[in-house]
């Protein structure tokens, strides 16, 4: 089963998509990666969804990536005596550590770490930014604020602090338990919430111990400011526009998205654009024109993947949402303007032999009548470098490492094939590549492909050979059974 597009689709699983039949239908409709949201569901539910995905993978014979999204620390106000209170613009309002229930003048904020970081003039956003408070005075256990934007505040609403870097670890105790659970379960990617600094990522990487790749969610201004350092220690990135749009001015989010996508592509690391992409399809079988344009924009920018959240997890039309996203992607990528935009952002500087090889592969594929670029890779690095080139022909990744094939399911334009055993001779690499492209419908016996690999084989970072191979070579070498 091959896709007719390069961008990948991430579908979040939830109450509307927990059974085998729906998960299989989502994959057949176009989902390449399944997201398990650790903010919702017990471990037993998560394990059941994981098992269903792996059964779909086995039944269809295609590697599927599973992304576990850790919740991150949740900062919330306490409770109110009446359940809620009305805050009026210009009024004073106090946040403190007093355990007494709140009213229209004060409420508990059970996070001393927030008070430790606050300074006069800082802003606090409550309930997804619907209420905005400005700090006038603060101490170790209180913050005297003025209401800048009023409204109804109720029990345990979330608090965002956009102006300061909070001394809060990105991994809560719940996250640590969840991380160990999903790593033992066998997920391929870990999405890390509340990232503010590169140290947050290195801590998660140490706990994962190589069992899953680390994807940093960029949802705080501090992460945007330190993005270069965060990207350097991450395996991938998610532009989480929900919280980012709360903590940053909404007009700043589109330029931030463009900068982050370009930086990830230059670093050859996959980037997901997420949040509210087809939001209306939670309740409607048809998206708005603005939502379709939003999805198209992310694809034009060169994002590796676009993501569905509540649309596929809790919506009334999960399969239709995936089909819609798939159709939009196919239409956008068939537009000549798409190639113009993608190629104008192609990286020019290349500093290694592997980078030179994959650039040459792309040039040859676009100069001659080449049907696919086939990359042998145990770690996936060469495949990622090839995807960074955004070639006009499909990328077929061949690897004997199942974990590598699954992780590459998130990478732009990559069709993964798991070889039965590691390849030790380049002649057999060509034979396996030819068989794979012919079997999966990328080429026929009269076509040519480009094959890249590294000598010695099965050693990461040794990509140093390129060959243009005619597909009839599968008829020449009879060294293994058909």
Protein backbone atom coordinates (compact mmCIF):
# COMPACT_ATOMS: atom_id res chain seq x y z
CA UNK A 1 0.00 0.00 0.00
CA UNK A 2 1.65 3.20 -1.19
CA UNK A 3 0.56 6.77 -0.58
CA UNK A 4 -0.01 9.21 -3.43
CA UNK A 5 1.44 12.11 -1.42
CA UNK A 6 4.61 12.98 0.47
CA UNK A 7 3.35 14.74 3.60
CA UNK A 8 2.34 12.34 6.39
CA UNK A 9 -0.86 12.34 8.43
CA UNK A 10 -0.89 11.90 12.21
CA UNK A 11 -4.23 10.77 13.68
CA UNK A 12 -4.95 10.94 17.40
CA UNK A 13 -6.81 7.98 18.87
CA UNK A 14 -9.54 8.35 21.48
CA UNK A 15 -13.09 7.33 22.33
CA UNK A 16 -14.19 7.69 18.69
CA UNK A 17 -11.32 5.57 17.36
CA UNK A 18 -10.35 2.90 19.88
CA UNK A 19 -11.37 -0.33 18.18
CA UNK A 20 -9.46 -2.35 15.58
CA UNK A 21 -11.93 -1.71 12.76
CA UNK A 22 -11.80 2.08 13.11
CA UNK A 23 -8.01 2.18 13.47
CA UNK A 24 -7.65 0.04 10.35
CA UNK A 25 -10.11 2.30 8.51
CA UNK A 26 -8.10 5.36 9.58
CA UNK A 27 -4.90 3.82 8.23
CA UNK A 28 -6.53 2.80 4.96
CA UNK A 29 -7.96 6.34 4.65
CA UNK A 30 -4.47 7.80 4.91
CA UNK A 31 -3.17 7.92 8.50
CA UNK A 32 0.56 7.13 8.69
CA UNK A 33 1.18 7.77 12.40
CA UNK A 34 -1.12 7.19 15.38
CA UNK A 35 -0.92 9.47 18.41
CA UNK A 36 -1.69 8.16 21.89
CA UNK A 37 -2.61 11.13 24.09
CA UNK A 38 -1.39 10.35 27.62
CA UNK A 39 -3.56 13.15 29.02
CA UNK A 40 -6.59 10.90 28.50
CA UNK A 41 -7.08 7.22 29.15
CA UNK A 42 -5.76 4.70 31.62
CA UNK A 43 -2.74 2.54 30.87
CA UNK A 44 -4.99 -0.42 30.03
CA UNK A 45 -6.79 1.65 27.37
CA UNK A 46 -3.50 2.88 25.94
CA UNK A 47 -2.17 -0.69 25.78
CA UNK A 48 -5.30 -1.87 23.98
CA UNK A 49 -5.00 0.86 21.34
CA UNK A 50 -1.31 0.05 20.91
CA UNK A 51 -2.16 -3.63 20.36
CA UNK A 52 -4.80 -2.75 17.75
CA UNK A 53 -2.28 -0.60 15.83
CA UNK A 54 0.30 -3.37 15.80
CA UNK A 55 -2.33 -5.83 14.57
CA UNK A 56 -3.24 -3.46 11.72
CA UNK A 57 0.48 -3.21 10.95
CA UNK A 58 0.84 -6.99 10.83
CA UNK A 59 -2.34 -7.53 8.83
CA UNK A 60 -1.47 -4.93 6.18
CA UNK A 61 2.28 -5.55 6.10
CA UNK A 62 3.24 -1.87 6.45
CA UNK A 63 5.31 -0.27 9.24
CA UNK A 64 3.26 2.19 11.30
CA UNK A 65 4.63 4.79 13.71
CA UNK A 66 3.12 5.24 17.16
CA UNK A 67 3.57 8.58 18.93
CA UNK A 68 2.94 8.79 22.69
CA UNK A 69 2.21 12.38 23.72
CA UNK A 70 3.13 13.02 27.36
CA UNK A 71 0.82 15.35 29.28
CA UNK A 72 3.42 17.59 30.91
CA UNK A 73 2.87 19.55 34.13
CA UNK A 74 -0.56 21.15 34.41
CA UNK A 75 -0.72 24.51 36.18
CA UNK A 76 -4.20 25.22 37.50
CA UNK A 77 -5.97 27.51 39.97
CA UNK A 78 -7.79 26.03 42.96
CA UNK A 79 -11.53 25.92 43.61
CA UNK A 80 -14.15 28.58 44.32
CA UNK A 81 -16.77 28.55 47.08
CA UNK A 82 -19.48 29.12 44.47
CA UNK A 83 -17.76 27.04 41.79
CA UNK A 84 -16.89 30.16 39.83
CA UNK A 85 -16.43 33.94 40.10
CA UNK A 86 -16.79 36.89 37.76
CA UNK A 87 -13.66 39.03 37.27
CA UNK A 88 -14.21 42.61 36.15
CA UNK A 89 -11.68 44.52 34.05
CA UNK A 90 -9.61 46.87 36.22
CA UNK A 91 -10.40 45.08 39.48
CA UNK A 92 -7.79 43.69 41.85
CA UNK A 93 -7.39 39.92 42.13
CA UNK A 94 -4.99 37.96 44.33
CA UNK A 95 -3.38 34.59 43.77
CA UNK A 96 -1.85 32.88 46.80
CA UNK A 97 -1.14 29.58 48.54
CA UNK A 98 -4.02 29.85 51.03
CA UNK A 99 -6.07 26.64 50.89
CA UNK A 100 -9.36 28.48 51.50
CA UNK A 101 -11.81 28.38 48.59
CA UNK A 102 -11.72 31.37 46.27
CA UNK A 103 -14.12 34.18 45.47
CA UNK A 104 -14.19 37.31 43.29
CA UNK A 105 -11.16 38.76 45.10
CA UNK A 106 -8.73 35.83 45.36
CA UNK A 107 -8.09 32.14 44.67
CA UNK A 108 -5.45 29.59 45.48
CA UNK A 109 -2.66 28.95 42.98
CA UNK A 110 -0.97 25.78 44.31
CA UNK A 111 2.30 26.32 42.45
CA UNK A 112 4.97 28.09 44.53
CA UNK A 113 7.34 27.74 41.57
CA UNK A 114 5.20 30.26 39.67
CA UNK A 115 5.46 32.82 42.47
CA UNK A 116 9.23 32.26 42.59
CA UNK A 117 9.54 33.23 38.92
CA UNK A 118 7.06 36.13 38.73
CA UNK A 119 8.03 39.75 38.50
CA UNK A 120 5.85 42.90 38.50
CA UNK A 121 4.53 43.49 35.00
CA UNK A 122 4.32 39.78 34.11
CA UNK A 123 1.04 38.45 32.78
CA UNK A 124 -0.90 35.36 33.75
CA UNK A 125 -3.42 33.82 31.37
CA UNK A 126 -6.31 31.77 32.74
CA UNK A 127 -8.64 29.40 30.88
CA UNK A 128 -6.77 29.34 27.55
CA UNK A 129 -6.13 33.08 27.69
CA UNK A 130 -9.78 34.10 28.07
CA UNK A 131 -8.82 35.89 31.30
CA UNK A 132 -5.65 37.98 31.49
CA UNK A 133 -4.08 39.21 34.73
CA UNK A 134 -1.13 41.60 35.15
CA UNK A 135 1.10 41.22 38.21
CA UNK A 136 1.41 44.43 40.25
CA UNK A 137 3.22 43.01 43.29
CA UNK A 138 4.43 39.53 44.18
CA UNK A 139 6.31 37.48 46.72
CA UNK A 140 7.16 33.88 47.54
CA UNK A 141 3.54 32.99 48.26
CA UNK A 142 1.34 35.58 46.55
CA UNK A 143 0.75 37.73 43.48
CA UNK A 144 -1.37 40.86 43.59
CA UNK A 145 -2.83 41.33 40.12
CA UNK A 146 -5.07 43.62 38.17
CA UNK A 147 -7.64 42.18 35.77
CA UNK A 148 -6.71 43.21 32.20
CA UNK A 149 -9.33 41.04 30.49
CA UNK A 150 -12.21 39.90 32.64
CA UNK A 151 -14.64 37.02 32.49
CA UNK A 152 -15.85 34.00 34.40
CA UNK A 153 -13.17 32.04 36.23
CA UNK A 154 -14.11 28.61 37.58
CA UNK A 155 -12.62 25.64 39.39
CA UNK A 156 -9.22 24.30 38.34
CA UNK A 157 -8.85 26.31 35.15
CA UNK A 158 -5.43 26.20 33.53
CA UNK A 159 -2.85 28.96 33.99
CA UNK A 160 -0.24 30.03 31.44
CA UNK A 161 2.70 32.29 32.27
CA UNK A 162 4.11 33.48 28.93
CA UNK A 163 6.54 36.16 30.13
CA UNK A 164 8.94 34.07 32.24
CA UNK A 165 10.78 30.75 32.14
CA UNK A 166 9.25 28.73 34.95
CA UNK A 167 11.45 26.58 37.21
CA UNK A 168 9.19 23.63 36.43
CA UNK A 169 10.43 20.32 35.04
CA UNK A 170 8.91 19.30 31.71
CA UNK A 171 8.30 15.83 33.15
CA UNK A 172 5.90 15.45 36.07
CA UNK A 173 5.79 12.29 38.14
CA UNK A 174 2.86 11.15 36.00
CA UNK A 175 4.92 11.79 32.87
CA UNK A 176 7.77 9.70 34.21
CA UNK A 177 5.44 6.79 34.90
CA UNK A 178 3.80 7.18 31.49
CA UNK A 179 7.17 7.42 29.73
CA UNK A 180 8.38 4.15 31.22
CA UNK A 181 5.07 2.46 30.45
CA UNK A 182 4.92 3.43 26.76
CA UNK A 183 8.62 2.74 26.20
CA UNK A 184 8.13 -0.77 27.54
CA UNK A 185 4.99 -1.05 25.45
CA UNK A 186 7.01 -0.24 22.33
CA UNK A 187 6.10 3.19 20.97
CA UNK A 188 8.32 4.80 18.35
CA UNK A 189 8.13 8.50 19.27
CA UNK A 190 7.73 10.38 22.55
CA UNK A 191 6.21 13.87 22.32
CA UNK A 192 7.47 16.01 25.20
CA UNK A 193 5.15 18.77 26.46
CA UNK A 194 6.07 21.98 28.32
CA UNK A 195 9.54 22.17 26.78
CA UNK A 196 11.28 25.42 27.77
CA UNK A 197 14.97 24.60 27.50
CA UNK A 198 17.22 21.94 25.90
CA UNK A 199 17.80 20.34 29.31
CA UNK A 200 14.14 19.28 29.32
CA UNK A 201 14.79 17.20 26.20
CA UNK A 202 18.03 15.64 27.41
CA UNK A 203 16.31 14.56 30.63
CA UNK A 204 13.59 12.75 28.66
CA UNK A 205 16.20 11.19 26.37
CA UNK A 206 18.08 9.79 29.35
CA UNK A 207 14.89 8.21 30.69
CA UNK A 208 13.92 6.78 27.28
CA UNK A 209 17.35 5.10 26.90
CA UNK A 210 17.04 4.82 23.12
CA UNK A 211 13.73 2.98 23.22
CA UNK A 212 11.90 5.84 21.46
CA UNK A 213 12.83 8.98 19.53
CA UNK A 214 12.18 12.32 21.25
CA UNK A 215 9.90 14.89 19.65
CA UNK A 216 9.78 18.34 21.30
CA UNK A 217 6.46 20.18 21.36
CA UNK A 218 7.00 23.89 20.83
CA UNK A 219 4.16 25.56 22.71
CA UNK A 220 5.84 28.18 24.92
CA UNK A 221 7.59 31.47 24.07
CA UNK A 222 10.66 30.29 25.99
CA UNK A 223 10.92 27.31 23.62
CA UNK A 224 10.68 29.60 20.60
CA UNK A 225 13.49 31.77 21.98
CA UNK A 226 15.69 28.70 22.62
CA UNK A 227 14.58 26.81 19.56
CA UNK A 228 18.00 26.30 17.96
CA UNK A 229 19.33 24.67 21.11
CA UNK A 230 16.18 22.56 21.58
CA UNK A 231 16.23 21.40 17.97
CA UNK A 232 19.86 20.33 18.29
CA UNK A 233 19.02 17.79 21.02
CA UNK A 234 15.63 16.66 19.60
CA UNK A 235 14.86 13.99 17.01
CA UNK A 236 11.82 15.89 15.76
CA UNK A 237 9.49 18.79 16.56
CA UNK A 238 5.78 19.46 16.87
CA UNK A 239 4.52 23.00 16.32
CA UNK A 240 1.77 22.85 18.96
CA UNK A 241 -0.23 25.89 17.96
CA UNK A 242 -2.86 25.55 20.70
CA UNK A 243 -0.86 26.68 23.72
CA UNK A 244 1.48 28.65 21.47
CA UNK A 245 -1.50 30.72 20.35
CA UNK A 246 -2.47 31.31 23.98
CA UNK A 247 0.94 32.43 25.20
CA UNK A 248 1.97 34.35 22.08
CA UNK A 249 -0.05 36.99 20.22
CA UNK A 250 -2.17 35.08 17.72
CA UNK A 251 -0.71 37.09 14.83
CA UNK A 252 2.77 35.84 15.78
CA UNK A 253 1.92 32.16 15.37
CA UNK A 254 1.99 31.91 11.52
CA UNK A 255 5.50 33.44 11.20
CA UNK A 256 6.73 31.27 14.07
CA UNK A 257 5.32 28.20 12.31
CA UNK A 258 7.12 29.06 9.08
CA UNK A 259 10.45 29.66 10.84
CA UNK A 260 10.27 26.43 12.82
CA UNK A 261 9.32 24.32 9.80
CA UNK A 262 12.22 25.72 7.76
CA UNK A 263 14.69 25.21 10.62
CA UNK A 264 13.60 21.58 11.07
CA UNK A 265 13.92 20.89 7.38
CA UNK A 266 17.43 22.40 7.31
CA UNK A 267 18.36 20.12 10.22
CA UNK A 268 16.82 17.07 8.45
CA UNK A 269 14.49 16.45 11.39
CA UNK A 270 10.75 15.77 10.97
CA UNK A 271 8.28 18.49 11.98
CA UNK A 272 4.56 18.12 12.65
CA UNK A 273 2.14 21.03 12.38
CA UNK A 274 -0.68 20.44 14.87
CA UNK A 275 -3.83 21.79 16.53
CA UNK A 276 -7.23 22.75 15.14
CA UNK A 277 -6.39 21.86 11.56
CA UNK A 278 -9.88 20.55 10.71
CA UNK A 279 -11.59 21.51 13.98
CA UNK A 280 -15.09 21.87 12.53
CA UNK A 281 -15.00 18.20 11.45
CA UNK A 282 -15.48 17.20 15.07
CA UNK A 283 -19.17 17.82 14.40
CA UNK A 284 -19.39 18.35 10.64
CA UNK A 285 -18.59 15.96 7.76
CA UNK A 286 -17.20 18.91 5.78
CA UNK A 287 -14.44 21.32 6.91
CA UNK A 288 -14.46 25.07 6.49
CA UNK A 289 -12.58 26.64 3.60
CA UNK A 290 -10.27 28.36 6.08
CA UNK A 291 -9.34 25.01 7.65
CA UNK A 292 -8.53 23.50 4.27
CA UNK A 293 -6.35 26.52 3.54
CA UNK A 294 -4.59 26.06 6.89
CA UNK A 295 -3.75 22.44 6.10
CA UNK A 296 -2.59 23.46 2.62
CA UNK A 297 -0.34 26.19 4.05
CA UNK A 298 1.50 23.69 6.26
CA UNK A 299 1.99 21.40 3.25
CA UNK A 300 3.26 24.23 1.05
CA UNK A 301 5.73 25.13 3.81
CA UNK A 302 7.24 21.64 3.61
CA UNK A 303 6.05 20.19 6.93
CA UNK A 304 6.73 16.47 7.28
CA UNK A 305 3.31 15.83 8.81
CA UNK A 306 -0.03 17.42 9.63
CA UNK A 307 -2.00 16.25 12.65
CA UNK A 308 -5.58 15.59 13.65
CA UNK A 309 -6.42 15.83 17.35
CA UNK A 310 -10.04 15.82 18.55
CA UNK A 311 -11.16 15.41 14.93
CA UNK A 312 -10.07 11.76 14.93
CA UNK A 313 -10.05 11.12 18.70
CA UNK A 314 -13.49 12.31 19.74
CA UNK A 315 -15.19 13.63 16.61
CA UNK A 316 -18.22 12.25 14.81
CA UNK A 317 -16.32 11.83 11.51
CA UNK A 318 -12.80 10.50 12.26
CA UNK A 319 -12.32 8.56 9.02
CA UNK A 320 -13.78 11.37 6.93
CA UNK A 321 -11.35 13.82 8.55
CA UNK A 322 -8.38 11.66 7.51
CA UNK A 323 -9.78 11.28 3.99
CA UNK A 324 -10.22 15.04 3.74
CA UNK A 325 -6.65 15.69 4.86
CA UNK A 326 -5.38 13.08 2.41
CA UNK A 327 -7.33 14.65 -0.45
CA UNK A 328 -6.07 18.15 0.39
CA UNK A 329 -2.47 16.89 0.47
CA UNK A 330 -2.77 15.15 -2.91
CA UNK A 331 -4.30 18.25 -4.48
CA UNK A 332 -1.68 20.62 -3.05
CA UNK A 333 1.25 18.44 -4.06
CA UNK A 334 -0.05 18.22 -7.64
CA UNK A 335 0.02 22.02 -7.91
CA UNK A 336 3.11 23.30 -9.84
CA UNK A 337 3.35 26.14 -7.32
CA UNK A 338 4.01 23.55 -4.60
CA UNK A 339 7.28 22.49 -6.24
CA UNK A 340 8.31 26.12 -6.71
CA UNK A 341 7.78 26.86 -3.02
CA UNK A 342 9.41 23.65 -1.79
CA UNK A 343 12.47 23.97 -4.00
CA UNK A 344 13.01 27.65 -3.22
CA UNK A 345 13.66 26.64 0.41
CA UNK A 346 16.11 23.86 -0.45
CA UNK A 347 19.31 23.96 1.58
CA UNK A 348 22.38 24.86 -0.47
CA UNK A 349 25.29 24.14 1.89
CA UNK A 350 26.33 20.51 2.30
CA UNK A 351 29.33 19.50 4.37
CA UNK A 352 29.56 15.70 4.38
CA UNK A 353 29.93 12.88 1.89
CA UNK A 354 26.44 11.60 2.79
CA UNK A 355 24.92 15.01 2.12
CA UNK A 356 26.68 15.15 -1.23
CA UNK A 357 25.50 11.65 -2.16
CA UNK A 358 21.83 12.36 -1.42
CA UNK A 359 21.99 15.72 -3.23
CA UNK A 360 23.47 13.96 -6.26
CA UNK A 361 20.76 11.32 -6.06
CA UNK A 362 18.10 14.00 -6.18
CA UNK A 363 19.80 15.81 -9.08
CA UNK A 364 20.09 12.60 -11.10
CA UNK A 365 16.50 11.63 -10.35
CA UNK A 366 15.27 14.99 -11.59
CA UNK A 367 17.58 15.03 -14.66
CA UNK A 368 17.00 11.51 -15.95
CA UNK A 369 13.89 9.40 -16.08
CA UNK A 370 14.27 7.91 -12.59
CA UNK A 371 11.26 6.41 -10.78
CA UNK A 372 12.52 6.29 -7.19
CA UNK A 373 15.47 6.92 -4.88
CA UNK A 374 16.20 3.81 -2.80
CA UNK A 375 18.15 4.29 0.44
CA UNK A 376 19.63 1.50 2.49
CA UNK A 377 19.88 2.71 6.07
CA UNK A 378 20.03 1.04 9.46
CA UNK A 379 19.71 4.23 11.51
CA UNK A 380 17.54 6.26 9.14
CA UNK A 381 19.98 9.19 8.91
CA UNK A 382 20.56 8.89 5.16
CA UNK A 383 16.83 8.66 4.55
CA UNK A 384 16.26 11.84 6.56
CA UNK A 385 18.95 13.65 4.54
CA UNK A 386 17.32 12.48 1.32
CA UNK A 387 13.92 13.70 2.52
CA UNK A 388 15.46 17.10 3.30
CA UNK A 389 16.17 17.44 -0.43
CA UNK A 390 12.43 17.07 -1.13
CA UNK A 391 13.03 15.17 -4.40
CA UNK A 392 10.36 14.94 -7.09
CA UNK A 393 10.41 11.14 -7.03
CA UNK A 394 9.44 8.79 -4.18
CA UNK A 395 11.95 7.84 -1.49
CA UNK A 396 12.01 4.12 -0.73
CA UNK A 397 13.79 3.34 2.54
CA UNK A 398 15.11 -0.20 2.96
CA UNK A 399 16.21 -1.37 6.39
CA UNK A 400 16.40 -4.59 8.37
CA UNK A 401 15.66 -2.68 11.60
CA UNK A 402 11.93 -2.62 12.28
CA UNK A 403 12.20 0.28 14.76
CA UNK A 404 13.91 2.41 12.09
CA UNK A 405 11.19 1.66 9.54
CA UNK A 406 8.49 2.62 12.01
CA UNK A 407 10.13 5.90 13.01
CA UNK A 408 10.64 6.84 9.36
CA UNK A 409 6.88 6.60 8.80
CA UNK A 410 6.79 10.18 10.12
CA UNK A 411 9.30 11.51 7.57
CA UNK A 412 8.25 13.36 4.42
CA UNK A 413 8.01 11.30 1.25
CA UNK A 414 9.37 8.06 2.69
CA UNK A 415 7.95 4.64 1.86
CA UNK A 416 9.54 2.10 4.23
CA UNK A 417 10.36 -1.50 3.40
CA UNK A 418 11.73 -3.94 5.96
CA UNK A 419 14.31 -6.32 4.49
CA UNK A 420 14.43 -9.84 5.85
CA UNK A 421 18.09 -9.55 6.87
CA UNK A 422 20.94 -7.04 6.68
CA UNK A 423 22.55 -6.62 3.24
CA UNK A 424 26.28 -7.33 3.03
CA UNK A 425 27.02 -6.77 -0.68
CA UNK A 426 26.05 -3.83 -2.87
CA UNK A 427 24.96 -6.14 -5.70
CA UNK A 428 22.31 -7.64 -3.43
CA UNK A 429 21.33 -4.16 -2.25
CA UNK A 430 20.48 -3.27 -5.84
CA UNK A 431 18.53 -6.49 -6.31
CA UNK A 432 16.49 -5.92 -3.15
CA UNK A 433 15.83 -2.29 -4.10
CA UNK A 434 14.62 -3.27 -7.58
CA UNK A 435 12.35 -5.96 -6.18
CA UNK A 436 10.89 -3.57 -3.62
CA UNK A 437 10.04 -0.79 -6.10
CA UNK A 438 8.52 -3.23 -8.58
CA UNK A 439 6.50 -5.03 -5.91
CA UNK A 440 5.14 -1.81 -4.41
CA UNK A 441 4.25 -0.19 -7.71
CA UNK A 442 6.91 2.50 -8.00
CA UNK A 443 8.55 1.11 -11.14
CA UNK A 444 8.40 -1.67 -13.70
CA UNK A 445 11.08 -3.72 -15.47
CA UNK A 446 11.78 -1.08 -18.11
CA UNK A 447 12.42 1.71 -15.56
CA UNK A 448 15.50 2.94 -13.69
CA UNK A 449 16.05 3.77 -10.02
CA UNK A 450 18.81 5.38 -7.97
CA UNK A 451 20.28 3.32 -5.13
CA UNK A 452 22.36 4.80 -2.28
CA UNK A 453 24.12 2.85 0.44
CA UNK A 454 27.23 2.80 2.59
CA UNK A 455 30.27 0.55 2.36
CA UNK A 456 30.91 -1.19 4.73
CA UNK A 457 27.25 -2.14 5.09
CA UNK A 458 25.26 -1.86 8.33
CA UNK A 459 27.54 0.80 9.81
CA UNK A 460 25.67 4.06 10.55
CA UNK A 461 27.03 7.19 8.90
CA UNK A 462 28.90 5.53 6.04
CA UNK A 463 26.73 6.51 3.04
CA UNK A 464 29.28 6.78 0.24
CA UNK A 465 27.98 5.06 -2.88
CA UNK A 466 25.33 5.81 -5.51
CA UNK A 467 24.25 3.83 -8.53
CA UNK A 468 21.66 4.23 -11.26
CA UNK A 469 20.20 0.75 -11.72
CA UNK A 470 17.90 -0.64 -14.42
CA UNK A 471 14.99 -2.57 -12.95
CA UNK A 472 15.60 -5.60 -15.14
CA UNK A 473 18.51 -6.41 -12.81
CA UNK A 474 16.11 -8.43 -10.71
CA UNK A 475 16.10 -10.86 -13.66
CA UNK A 476 19.91 -10.93 -13.86
CA UNK A 477 20.79 -11.81 -10.27
CA UNK A 478 19.25 -15.07 -9.18
CA UNK A 479 21.14 -15.36 -5.91
CA UNK A 480 18.01 -15.63 -3.73
CA UNK A 481 14.53 -17.07 -4.32
CA UNK A 482 11.71 -14.85 -5.56
